[in-house]
Amino acid sequence: MRRAIALFVLATLVGGTPALAQQRPASPPAQKPAEATAEPEAPAPPYEPQLLSLAELMGSLSYLRTLCGAREAEDWRERMAALLEAEGRSPTRKARLSGAYNRGFRAYAATHRVCGEGSREAAARLAREGEVLARALAGRFGG
């Protein structure tokens, strides 16, 4: 978890503000159906709700930064892939995390069609929230 959270914190600290250029946003990562396993699902870690919130924030930022043409826009998909690699220990867990990312992406895709002041403000607010959440997770559960 520490690596994925560190990626988010670093990204929000050096990500900068979105550019004004407009382009079509990239689609969210494909969500694969959970595969059936013979072993029972391990209990979720105590930080699961915060991690799902972080994944949702990453999806929202992925959409908004791409919409506004930010130079780090494509990095959000890569950060989500890193989060899935670090925390997706089972198909069910990967599905929950990618579902949270996709919810965040779709929520802003439904209301923001062009990059405007509201989109830039929302992206800045989400980045601040994500940074606070990531620091709290790293401080409490990062080991």
C-alpha atoms as a PDB file:
ATOM      1  CA  MET A   1       0.000   0.000   0.000  1.00  0.00           C
ATOM      2  CA  ARG A   2       2.804   2.396   0.807  1.00  0.00           C
ATOM      3  CA  ARG A   3       4.084   2.464  -2.805  1.00  0.00           C
ATOM      4  CA  ALA A   4       0.655   3.214  -4.306  1.00  0.00           C
ATOM      5  CA  ILE A   5      -0.064   5.950  -1.786  1.00  0.00           C
ATOM      6  CA  ALA A   6       3.377   7.445  -2.285  1.00  0.00           C
ATOM      7  CA  LEU A   7       2.670   7.585  -6.025  1.00  0.00           C
ATOM      8  CA  PHE A   8      -0.511   9.536  -5.379  1.00  0.00           C
ATOM      9  CA  VAL A   9       1.123  11.961  -2.951  1.00  0.00           C
ATOM     10  CA  LEU A  10       4.024  12.575  -5.310  1.00  0.00           C
ATOM     11  CA  ALA A  11       1.670  13.066  -8.232  1.00  0.00           C
ATOM     12  CA  THR A  12      -0.468  15.606  -6.430  1.00  0.00           C
ATOM     13  CA  LEU A  13       2.552  17.515  -5.175  1.00  0.00           C
ATOM     14  CA  VAL A  14       4.210  17.823  -8.600  1.00  0.00           C
ATOM     15  CA  GLY A  15       1.171  17.483 -10.867  1.00  0.00           C
ATOM     16  CA  GLY A  16       0.581  21.186 -11.251  1.00  0.00           C
ATOM     17  CA  THR A  17      -2.590  22.806 -12.474  1.00  0.00           C
ATOM     18  CA  PRO A  18      -4.523  21.646 -15.538  1.00  0.00           C
ATOM     19  CA  ALA A  19      -3.849  23.379 -18.837  1.00  0.00           C
ATOM     20  CA  LEU A  20      -6.649  25.153 -20.684  1.00  0.00           C
ATOM     21  CA  ALA A  21      -6.381  23.003 -23.811  1.00  0.00           C
ATOM     22  CA  GLN A  22      -9.378  20.768 -24.372  1.00  0.00           C
ATOM     23  CA  GLN A  23      -9.284  17.237 -25.685  1.00  0.00           C
ATOM     24  CA  ARG A  24     -11.393  14.125 -25.562  1.00  0.00           C
ATOM     25  CA  PRO A  25     -10.837  12.227 -22.295  1.00  0.00           C
ATOM     26  CA  ALA A  26      -9.437   8.704 -22.314  1.00  0.00           C
ATOM     27  CA  SER A  27     -11.777   5.944 -21.278  1.00  0.00           C
ATOM     28  CA  PRO A  28     -11.407   4.372 -17.828  1.00  0.00           C
ATOM     29  CA  PRO A  29      -9.509   1.100 -17.475  1.00  0.00           C
ATOM     30  CA  ALA A  30     -11.538  -1.934 -18.421  1.00  0.00           C
ATOM     31  CA  GLN A  31     -13.003  -3.787 -15.497  1.00  0.00           C
ATOM     32  CA  LYS A  32     -12.561  -7.540 -15.778  1.00  0.00           C
ATOM     33  CA  PRO A  33     -15.151  -9.821 -14.213  1.00  0.00           C
ATOM     34  CA  ALA A  34     -14.082 -11.478 -10.999  1.00  0.00           C
ATOM     35  CA  GLU A  35     -12.881 -15.028 -11.528  1.00  0.00           C
ATOM     36  CA  ALA A  36     -14.232 -17.778  -9.327  1.00  0.00           C
ATOM     37  CA  THR A  37     -11.666 -19.140  -6.908  1.00  0.00           C
ATOM     38  CA  ALA A  38     -11.713 -22.178  -4.706  1.00  0.00           C
ATOM     39  CA  GLU A  39     -10.303 -20.272  -1.750  1.00  0.00           C
ATOM     40  CA  PRO A  40     -12.515 -17.962   0.299  1.00  0.00           C
ATOM     41  CA  GLU A  41     -11.910 -14.231  -0.002  1.00  0.00           C
ATOM     42  CA  ALA A  42      -9.503 -12.900   2.617  1.00  0.00           C
ATOM     43  CA  PRO A  43     -11.015 -10.272   4.892  1.00  0.00           C
ATOM     44  CA  ALA A  44     -10.592  -6.712   3.675  1.00  0.00           C
ATOM     45  CA  PRO A  45      -7.814  -4.753   5.358  1.00  0.00           C
ATOM     46  CA  PRO A  46      -8.826  -2.070   7.856  1.00  0.00           C
ATOM     47  CA  TYR A  47      -7.916   0.662   5.368  1.00  0.00           C
ATOM     48  CA  GLU A  48     -10.208  -0.672   2.611  1.00  0.00           C
ATOM     49  CA  PRO A  49     -12.784   2.178   2.741  1.00  0.00           C
ATOM     50  CA  GLN A  50     -10.052   4.816   2.492  1.00  0.00           C
ATOM     51  CA  LEU A  51      -8.326   2.932  -0.315  1.00  0.00           C
ATOM     52  CA  LEU A  52     -11.587   2.715  -2.270  1.00  0.00           C
ATOM     53  CA  SER A  53     -12.062   6.460  -1.765  1.00  0.00           C
ATOM     54  CA  LEU A  54      -8.541   7.034  -3.061  1.00  0.00           C
ATOM     55  CA  ALA A  55      -9.245   4.903  -6.145  1.00  0.00           C
ATOM     56  CA  GLU A  56     -12.441   6.875  -6.790  1.00  0.00           C
ATOM     57  CA  LEU A  57     -10.536  10.157  -6.474  1.00  0.00           C
ATOM     58  CA  MET A  58      -7.976   8.861  -8.951  1.00  0.00           C
ATOM     59  CA  GLY A  59     -10.730   8.052 -11.445  1.00  0.00           C
ATOM     60  CA  SER A  60     -12.258  11.499 -11.045  1.00  0.00           C
ATOM     61  CA  LEU A  61      -8.874  13.156 -11.508  1.00  0.00           C
ATOM     62  CA  SER A  62      -8.133  10.975 -14.519  1.00  0.00           C
ATOM     63  CA  TYR A  63     -11.236  12.280 -16.246  1.00  0.00           C
ATOM     64  CA  LEU A  64     -10.887  15.919 -15.238  1.00  0.00           C
ATOM     65  CA  ARG A  65      -7.160  16.234 -15.939  1.00  0.00           C
ATOM     66  CA  THR A  66      -7.611  14.608 -19.344  1.00  0.00           C
ATOM     67  CA  LEU A  67     -10.598  16.826 -20.124  1.00  0.00           C
ATOM     68  CA  CYS A  68      -8.528  19.906 -19.336  1.00  0.00           C
ATOM     69  CA  GLY A  69      -5.446  18.689 -21.192  1.00  0.00           C
ATOM     70  CA  ALA A  70      -3.121  18.530 -18.195  1.00  0.00           C
ATOM     71  CA  ARG A  71       0.311  17.170 -19.004  1.00  0.00           C
ATOM     72  CA  GLU A  72       0.066  14.471 -16.300  1.00  0.00           C
ATOM     73  CA  ALA A  73      -3.411  13.338 -17.400  1.00  0.00           C
ATOM     74  CA  GLU A  74      -2.312   9.956 -18.762  1.00  0.00           C
ATOM     75  CA  ASP A  75      -0.374   9.222 -15.577  1.00  0.00           C
ATOM     76  CA  TRP A  76      -3.581   8.653 -13.585  1.00  0.00           C
ATOM     77  CA  ARG A  77      -4.341   5.392 -15.398  1.00  0.00           C
ATOM     78  CA  GLU A  78      -0.779   4.261 -14.693  1.00  0.00           C
ATOM     79  CA  ARG A  79      -1.159   5.201 -11.019  1.00  0.00           C
ATOM     80  CA  MET A  80      -4.347   3.168 -10.849  1.00  0.00           C
ATOM     81  CA  ALA A  81      -2.566   0.226 -12.462  1.00  0.00           C
ATOM     82  CA  ALA A  82       0.139   0.540  -9.784  1.00  0.00           C
ATOM     83  CA  LEU A  83      -2.533   0.598  -7.080  1.00  0.00           C
ATOM     84  CA  LEU A  84      -4.135  -2.542  -8.534  1.00  0.00           C
ATOM     85  CA  GLU A  85      -0.740  -4.226  -8.710  1.00  0.00           C
ATOM     86  CA  ALA A  86       0.061  -3.335  -5.093  1.00  0.00           C
ATOM     87  CA  GLU A  87      -3.356  -3.941  -3.531  1.00  0.00           C
ATOM     88  CA  GLY A  88      -5.308  -6.208  -5.898  1.00  0.00           C
ATOM     89  CA  ARG A  89      -4.521  -9.497  -4.202  1.00  0.00           C
ATOM     90  CA  SER A  90      -7.606 -11.222  -5.542  1.00  0.00           C
ATOM     91  CA  PRO A  91      -9.936 -10.812  -8.524  1.00  0.00           C
ATOM     92  CA  THR A  92     -12.690  -9.594  -6.180  1.00  0.00           C
ATOM     93  CA  ARG A  93     -10.444  -6.969  -4.644  1.00  0.00           C
ATOM     94  CA  LYS A  94      -9.254  -5.806  -8.060  1.00  0.00           C
ATOM     95  CA  ALA A  95     -12.875  -5.535  -9.164  1.00  0.00           C
ATOM     96  CA  ARG A  96     -13.754  -3.390  -6.121  1.00  0.00           C
ATOM     97  CA  LEU A  97     -10.798  -1.066  -6.697  1.00  0.00           C
ATOM     98  CA  SER A  98     -11.329  -0.707 -10.440  1.00  0.00           C
ATOM     99  CA  GLY A  99     -15.061  -0.244  -9.822  1.00  0.00           C
ATOM    100  CA  ALA A 100     -14.303   2.654  -7.488  1.00  0.00           C
ATOM    101  CA  TYR A 101     -11.966   4.196 -10.089  1.00  0.00           C
ATOM    102  CA  ASN A 102     -14.636   3.828 -12.785  1.00  0.00           C
ATOM    103  CA  ARG A 103     -17.330   5.350 -10.531  1.00  0.00           C
ATOM    104  CA  GLY A 104     -15.166   8.429 -10.020  1.00  0.00           C
ATOM    105  CA  PHE A 105     -14.427   8.667 -13.738  1.00  0.00           C
ATOM    106  CA  ARG A 106     -18.080   8.328 -14.759  1.00  0.00           C
ATOM    107  CA  ALA A 107     -19.369  10.717 -12.099  1.00  0.00           C
ATOM    108  CA  TYR A 108     -17.440  13.620 -13.592  1.00  0.00           C
ATOM    109  CA  ALA A 109     -17.935  12.470 -17.189  1.00  0.00           C
ATOM    110  CA  ALA A 110     -21.682  12.825 -16.630  1.00  0.00           C
ATOM    111  CA  THR A 111     -21.465  16.467 -15.558  1.00  0.00           C
ATOM    112  CA  HIS A 112     -18.320  17.940 -17.151  1.00  0.00           C
ATOM    113  CA  ARG A 113     -18.286  17.958 -20.957  1.00  0.00           C
ATOM    114  CA  VAL A 114     -15.828  20.822 -21.520  1.00  0.00           C
ATOM    115  CA  CYS A 115     -13.020  22.114 -19.386  1.00  0.00           C
ATOM    116  CA  GLY A 116     -14.143  25.193 -17.541  1.00  0.00           C
ATOM    117  CA  GLU A 117     -13.495  26.947 -14.278  1.00  0.00           C
ATOM    118  CA  GLY A 118     -15.703  24.418 -12.450  1.00  0.00           C
ATOM    119  CA  SER A 119     -13.699  21.500 -13.865  1.00  0.00           C
ATOM    120  CA  ARG A 120     -10.404  23.079 -12.867  1.00  0.00           C
ATOM    121  CA  GLU A 121     -11.714  23.871  -9.369  1.00  0.00           C
ATOM    122  CA  ALA A 122     -13.057  20.340  -8.946  1.00  0.00           C
ATOM    123  CA  ALA A 123      -9.715  18.847 -10.031  1.00  0.00           C
ATOM    124  CA  ALA A 124      -7.804  21.049  -7.594  1.00  0.00           C
ATOM    125  CA  ARG A 125     -10.192  20.176  -4.746  1.00  0.00           C
ATOM    126  CA  LEU A 126      -9.984  16.451  -5.510  1.00  0.00           C
ATOM    127  CA  ALA A 127      -6.186  16.592  -5.642  1.00  0.00           C
ATOM    128  CA  ARG A 128      -6.107  18.246  -2.211  1.00  0.00           C
ATOM    129  CA  GLU A 129      -8.538  15.667  -0.801  1.00  0.00           C
ATOM    130  CA  GLY A 130      -6.499  12.843  -2.305  1.00  0.00           C
ATOM    131  CA  GLU A 131      -3.279  14.196  -0.892  1.00  0.00           C
ATOM    132  CA  VAL A 132      -4.782  14.447   2.603  1.00  0.00           C
ATOM    133  CA  LEU A 133      -6.253  10.952   2.334  1.00  0.00           C
ATOM    134  CA  ALA A 134      -3.026   9.446   0.988  1.00  0.00           C
ATOM    135  CA  ARG A 135      -0.933  11.047   3.732  1.00  0.00           C
ATOM    136  CA  ALA A 136      -3.379   9.827   6.393  1.00  0.00           C
ATOM    137  CA  LEU A 137      -3.299   6.303   4.998  1.00  0.00           C
ATOM    138  CA  ALA A 138       0.480   6.261   4.771  1.00  0.00           C
ATOM    139  CA  GLY A 139       0.825   7.684   8.271  1.00  0.00           C
ATOM    140  CA  ARG A 140      -1.583   5.241   9.853  1.00  0.00           C
ATOM    141  CA  PHE A 141      -1.146   2.049   7.824  1.00  0.00           C
ATOM    142  CA  GLY A 142       2.086   2.568   5.867  1.00  0.00           C
ATOM    143  CA  GLY A 143       4.158   0.720   8.403  1.00  0.00           C
END
